[in-house]
């Protein structure tokens, strides 16, 4: 315990106060008539409304990766269309070659 409160013994004992307790709490600290009165503002513990909307954090790495993914998909579709047209042209030429034979 000396690591938490120091090398010397504490004069006042640590006091934990419930954050939802709106009543006044009195404690006897030090023994002989040293009563201390702790009060808290009256605030309800439960929230009365919906939580505030969460802000979208901007993540530059995620944004970059999303843009790169879109570019890669566009490249894939362009390459796929080129391969499809090349394959169709090859099949047409092969068909003409077969007809001539």
N, C-alpha and C. Protein backbone atom coordinates (compact mmCIF):
# COMPACT_ATOMS: atom_id res chain seq x y z
N UNK A 1 0.82 -1.19 0.00
CA UNK A 1 0.00 0.00 0.00
C UNK A 1 0.86 1.25 0.00
N UNK A 2 2.08 1.17 0.53
CA UNK A 2 2.93 2.35 0.58
C UNK A 2 3.28 2.86 -0.81
N UNK A 3 3.24 1.99 -1.82
CA UNK A 3 3.51 2.43 -3.19
C UNK A 3 2.39 3.33 -3.70
N UNK A 4 1.17 3.06 -3.27
CA UNK A 4 0.03 3.83 -3.76
C UNK A 4 -0.11 5.17 -3.05
N UNK A 5 0.11 5.22 -1.75
CA UNK A 5 -0.12 6.46 -1.00
C UNK A 5 1.16 7.10 -0.49
N UNK A 6 2.28 6.53 -0.75
CA UNK A 6 3.54 7.11 -0.32
C UNK A 6 4.16 6.34 0.82
N UNK A 7 5.33 6.78 1.25
CA UNK A 7 6.06 6.09 2.29
C UNK A 7 5.48 6.28 3.68
N UNK A 8 4.88 7.44 3.93
CA UNK A 8 4.30 7.70 5.25
C UNK A 8 2.83 7.26 5.28
N UNK A 9 2.35 6.91 6.46
CA UNK A 9 0.94 6.55 6.54
C UNK A 9 0.06 7.77 6.27
N UNK A 10 -1.06 7.53 5.64
CA UNK A 10 -1.97 8.61 5.27
C UNK A 10 -2.69 9.12 6.51
N UNK A 11 -2.83 10.45 6.62
CA UNK A 11 -3.55 11.05 7.74
C UNK A 11 -5.05 10.86 7.53
N UNK A 12 -5.51 11.05 6.30
CA UNK A 12 -6.93 10.86 5.98
C UNK A 12 -7.08 9.56 5.21
N UNK A 13 -8.03 8.77 5.60
CA UNK A 13 -8.25 7.52 4.89
C UNK A 13 -8.94 7.80 3.56
N UNK A 14 -8.67 7.00 2.55
CA UNK A 14 -9.31 7.21 1.25
C UNK A 14 -10.81 6.96 1.36
N UNK A 15 -11.60 7.80 0.70
CA UNK A 15 -13.05 7.69 0.75
C UNK A 15 -13.56 7.52 -0.67
N UNK A 16 -14.38 6.51 -0.88
CA UNK A 16 -15.01 6.28 -2.17
C UNK A 16 -16.45 6.76 -2.08
N UNK A 17 -16.88 7.55 -3.03
CA UNK A 17 -18.24 8.06 -3.05
C UNK A 17 -18.91 7.56 -4.32
N UNK A 18 -20.07 6.98 -4.18
CA UNK A 18 -20.84 6.48 -5.31
C UNK A 18 -21.26 7.66 -6.16
N UNK A 19 -21.00 7.59 -7.47
CA UNK A 19 -21.30 8.72 -8.34
C UNK A 19 -22.80 8.87 -8.59
N UNK A 20 -23.60 7.84 -8.31
CA UNK A 20 -25.04 7.93 -8.53
C UNK A 20 -25.79 8.34 -7.27
N UNK A 21 -25.11 8.44 -6.15
CA UNK A 21 -25.75 8.78 -4.88
C UNK A 21 -25.91 10.29 -4.81
N UNK A 22 -27.15 10.78 -4.81
CA UNK A 22 -27.38 12.22 -4.78
C UNK A 22 -27.53 12.75 -3.36
N UNK A 23 -27.50 11.89 -2.38
CA UNK A 23 -27.65 12.31 -0.99
C UNK A 23 -26.31 12.78 -0.44
N UNK A 24 -26.36 13.52 0.66
CA UNK A 24 -25.14 13.95 1.32
C UNK A 24 -24.58 12.79 2.14
N UNK A 25 -23.28 12.67 2.16
CA UNK A 25 -22.62 11.60 2.89
C UNK A 25 -21.72 12.23 3.93
N UNK A 26 -21.78 11.74 5.16
CA UNK A 26 -20.87 12.25 6.18
C UNK A 26 -19.95 11.14 6.62
N UNK A 27 -18.73 11.50 6.90
CA UNK A 27 -17.73 10.52 7.30
C UNK A 27 -17.01 11.04 8.54
N UNK A 28 -16.61 10.12 9.39
CA UNK A 28 -15.81 10.48 10.55
C UNK A 28 -14.37 10.17 10.21
N UNK A 29 -13.60 11.21 9.94
CA UNK A 29 -12.21 11.05 9.55
C UNK A 29 -11.32 11.49 10.71
N UNK A 30 -10.43 10.66 11.12
CA UNK A 30 -9.49 11.02 12.16
C UNK A 30 -9.98 10.71 13.55
N UNK A 31 -11.18 10.25 13.70
CA UNK A 31 -11.62 9.79 15.00
C UNK A 31 -12.39 10.81 15.81
N UNK A 32 -11.80 11.84 16.35
CA UNK A 32 -12.42 12.70 17.35
C UNK A 32 -13.17 13.87 16.74
N UNK A 33 -14.40 13.70 16.37
CA UNK A 33 -15.27 14.79 15.97
C UNK A 33 -14.85 15.54 14.72
N UNK A 34 -14.09 14.95 13.87
CA UNK A 34 -13.69 15.60 12.63
C UNK A 34 -14.61 15.11 11.51
N UNK A 35 -15.88 15.38 11.66
CA UNK A 35 -16.85 14.97 10.64
C UNK A 35 -16.75 15.90 9.44
N UNK A 36 -16.72 15.30 8.26
CA UNK A 36 -16.67 16.07 7.02
C UNK A 36 -17.93 15.71 6.24
N UNK A 37 -18.62 16.70 5.74
CA UNK A 37 -19.84 16.48 5.01
C UNK A 37 -19.56 16.65 3.52
N UNK A 38 -19.78 15.57 2.75
CA UNK A 38 -19.58 15.59 1.31
C UNK A 38 -20.95 15.65 0.65
N UNK A 39 -21.14 16.60 -0.23
CA UNK A 39 -22.42 16.69 -0.96
C UNK A 39 -22.13 16.61 -2.44
N UNK A 40 -23.15 16.17 -3.15
CA UNK A 40 -23.04 16.09 -4.60
C UNK A 40 -24.23 16.81 -5.20
N UNK A 41 -24.04 17.31 -6.40
CA UNK A 41 -25.15 17.93 -7.09
C UNK A 41 -26.16 16.85 -7.45
N UNK A 42 -27.43 17.22 -7.44
CA UNK A 42 -28.45 16.24 -7.76
C UNK A 42 -28.53 16.08 -9.26
N UNK A 43 -27.99 14.98 -9.73
CA UNK A 43 -28.04 14.64 -11.15
C UNK A 43 -28.53 13.20 -11.25
N UNK A 44 -29.45 12.94 -12.13
CA UNK A 44 -29.90 11.55 -12.26
C UNK A 44 -28.80 10.68 -12.85
N UNK A 45 -28.82 9.42 -12.48
CA UNK A 45 -27.79 8.49 -12.96
C UNK A 45 -28.04 8.04 -14.39
N UNK A 46 -29.31 7.94 -14.75
CA UNK A 46 -29.63 7.45 -16.08
C UNK A 46 -29.76 8.61 -17.04
N UNK A 47 -29.41 8.39 -18.27
CA UNK A 47 -29.56 9.45 -19.27
C UNK A 47 -31.00 9.47 -19.73
N UNK A 48 -31.54 10.67 -19.94
CA UNK A 48 -32.94 10.80 -20.29
C UNK A 48 -33.16 10.82 -21.79
N UNK A 49 -32.12 10.92 -22.59
CA UNK A 49 -32.28 10.98 -24.03
C UNK A 49 -31.35 10.02 -24.74
N UNK A 50 -31.47 9.97 -26.04
CA UNK A 50 -30.58 9.09 -26.80
C UNK A 50 -29.16 9.63 -26.78
N UNK A 51 -28.18 8.77 -26.95
CA UNK A 51 -26.79 9.24 -26.95
C UNK A 51 -26.55 10.13 -28.16
N UNK A 52 -25.60 11.03 -28.09
CA UNK A 52 -25.32 11.90 -29.23
C UNK A 52 -24.80 11.08 -30.40
N UNK A 53 -25.06 11.53 -31.62
CA UNK A 53 -24.60 10.76 -32.78
C UNK A 53 -23.08 10.70 -32.81
N UNK A 54 -22.58 9.54 -33.21
CA UNK A 54 -21.14 9.37 -33.28
C UNK A 54 -20.60 10.05 -34.52
N UNK A 55 -19.50 10.74 -34.35
CA UNK A 55 -18.86 11.39 -35.48
C UNK A 55 -18.04 10.36 -36.22
N UNK A 56 -18.05 10.45 -37.55
CA UNK A 56 -17.25 9.53 -38.35
C UNK A 56 -15.82 10.02 -38.33
N UNK A 57 -14.97 9.17 -37.80
CA UNK A 57 -13.56 9.54 -37.77
C UNK A 57 -12.98 9.33 -39.15
N UNK A 58 -12.17 10.26 -39.57
CA UNK A 58 -11.54 10.10 -40.88
C UNK A 58 -10.26 9.29 -40.68
N UNK A 59 -10.18 8.24 -41.42
CA UNK A 59 -9.02 7.39 -41.37
C UNK A 59 -8.38 7.44 -42.75
N UNK A 60 -7.27 8.11 -42.86
CA UNK A 60 -6.65 8.32 -44.16
C UNK A 60 -6.23 7.01 -44.81
N UNK A 61 -5.76 6.07 -44.03
CA UNK A 61 -5.32 4.79 -44.61
C UNK A 61 -6.52 4.06 -45.18
N UNK A 62 -7.62 4.02 -44.43
CA UNK A 62 -8.82 3.34 -44.91
C UNK A 62 -9.36 4.01 -46.16
N UNK A 63 -9.38 5.34 -46.18
CA UNK A 63 -9.84 6.07 -47.37
C UNK A 63 -8.96 5.75 -48.57
N UNK A 64 -7.66 5.72 -48.35
CA UNK A 64 -6.73 5.40 -49.44
C UNK A 64 -6.98 4.01 -49.98
N UNK A 65 -7.16 3.04 -49.07
CA UNK A 65 -7.39 1.66 -49.51
C UNK A 65 -8.71 1.52 -50.26
N UNK A 66 -9.74 2.25 -49.83
CA UNK A 66 -11.02 2.20 -50.55
C UNK A 66 -10.88 2.75 -51.96
N UNK A 67 -10.15 3.86 -52.11
CA UNK A 67 -9.93 4.45 -53.44
C UNK A 67 -9.13 3.49 -54.32
N UNK A 68 -8.11 2.88 -53.74
CA UNK A 68 -7.30 1.93 -54.51
C UNK A 68 -8.12 0.71 -54.92
N UNK A 69 -9.02 0.27 -54.07
CA UNK A 69 -9.89 -0.86 -54.41
C UNK A 69 -10.79 -0.51 -55.58
N UNK A 70 -11.36 0.70 -55.56
CA UNK A 70 -12.20 1.14 -56.67
C UNK A 70 -11.41 1.19 -57.98
N UNK A 71 -10.18 1.73 -57.91
CA UNK A 71 -9.34 1.80 -59.11
C UNK A 71 -9.01 0.40 -59.62
N UNK A 72 -8.71 -0.51 -58.71
CA UNK A 72 -8.38 -1.88 -59.10
C UNK A 72 -9.57 -2.57 -59.76
N UNK A 73 -10.78 -2.33 -59.23
CA UNK A 73 -11.97 -2.91 -59.84
C UNK A 73 -12.18 -2.36 -61.25
N UNK A 74 -11.96 -1.05 -61.43
CA UNK A 74 -12.09 -0.46 -62.77
C UNK A 74 -11.08 -1.08 -63.73
N UNK A 75 -9.84 -1.25 -63.26
CA UNK A 75 -8.81 -1.88 -64.10
C UNK A 75 -9.20 -3.31 -64.46
N UNK A 76 -9.73 -4.04 -63.47
CA UNK A 76 -10.13 -5.43 -63.71
C UNK A 76 -11.22 -5.49 -64.78
N UNK A 77 -12.24 -4.61 -64.65
CA UNK A 77 -13.33 -4.63 -65.62
C UNK A 77 -12.84 -4.24 -67.01
N UNK A 78 -11.93 -3.27 -67.09
CA UNK A 78 -11.38 -2.86 -68.38
C UNK A 78 -10.59 -4.01 -69.00
N UNK A 79 -9.77 -4.67 -68.20
CA UNK A 79 -8.98 -5.80 -68.69
C UNK A 79 -9.89 -6.96 -69.10
N UNK A 80 -10.92 -7.19 -68.33
CA UNK A 80 -11.86 -8.27 -68.64
C UNK A 80 -12.56 -8.01 -69.98
N UNK A 81 -12.98 -6.78 -70.20
CA UNK A 81 -13.63 -6.43 -71.46
C UNK A 81 -12.65 -6.59 -72.63
N UNK A 82 -11.39 -6.19 -72.45
CA UNK A 82 -10.38 -6.33 -73.49
C UNK A 82 -10.14 -7.80 -73.82
N UNK A 83 -10.02 -8.63 -72.76
CA UNK A 83 -9.82 -10.06 -72.98
C UNK A 83 -11.02 -10.69 -73.67
N UNK A 84 -12.21 -10.25 -73.30
CA UNK A 84 -13.43 -10.79 -73.90
C UNK A 84 -13.48 -10.45 -75.39
N UNK A 85 -13.16 -9.21 -75.74
CA UNK A 85 -13.17 -8.81 -77.16
C UNK A 85 -12.07 -9.53 -77.93
N UNK A 86 -10.89 -9.70 -77.32
CA UNK A 86 -9.78 -10.41 -77.98
C UNK A 86 -10.15 -11.87 -78.21
N UNK A 87 -10.77 -12.49 -77.21
CA UNK A 87 -11.19 -13.89 -77.35
C UNK A 87 -12.24 -14.03 -78.45
N UNK A 88 -13.20 -13.13 -78.50
CA UNK A 88 -14.23 -13.19 -79.55
C UNK A 88 -13.61 -13.02 -80.92
N UNK A 89 -12.67 -12.10 -81.06
CA UNK A 89 -11.98 -11.90 -82.35
C UNK A 89 -11.21 -13.16 -82.74
N UNK A 90 -10.50 -13.77 -81.80
CA UNK A 90 -9.77 -15.00 -82.09
C UNK A 90 -10.72 -16.11 -82.52
N UNK A 91 -11.84 -16.27 -81.85
CA UNK A 91 -12.80 -17.31 -82.22
C UNK A 91 -13.41 -17.05 -83.60
N UNK A 92 -13.66 -15.78 -83.91
CA UNK A 92 -14.19 -15.45 -85.23
C UNK A 92 -13.17 -15.80 -86.32
N UNK A 93 -11.92 -15.44 -86.10
CA UNK A 93 -10.87 -15.77 -87.07
C UNK A 93 -10.69 -17.28 -87.21
N UNK A 94 -10.75 -17.99 -86.09
CA UNK A 94 -10.61 -19.44 -86.13
C UNK A 94 -11.78 -20.07 -86.87
N UNK A 95 -12.98 -19.53 -86.69
CA UNK A 95 -14.17 -20.04 -87.38
C UNK A 95 -14.02 -19.82 -88.89
N UNK A 96 -13.52 -18.64 -89.29
CA UNK A 96 -13.31 -18.36 -90.72
C UNK A 96 -12.27 -19.31 -91.29
N UNK A 97 -11.23 -19.61 -90.54
CA UNK A 97 -10.19 -20.53 -90.99
C UNK A 97 -10.77 -21.92 -91.20
N UNK A 98 -11.66 -22.36 -90.30
CA UNK A 98 -12.26 -23.68 -90.41
C UNK A 98 -13.16 -23.74 -91.63
N UNK A 99 -13.91 -22.66 -91.90
CA UNK A 99 -14.83 -22.64 -93.06
C UNK A 99 -14.06 -22.70 -94.36
N UNK A 100 -12.88 -22.09 -94.43
CA UNK A 100 -12.09 -22.09 -95.65
C UNK A 100 -11.47 -23.47 -95.91
N UNK A 101 -11.28 -24.28 -94.92
CA UNK A 101 -10.63 -25.56 -95.12
C UNK A 101 -11.52 -26.60 -95.68
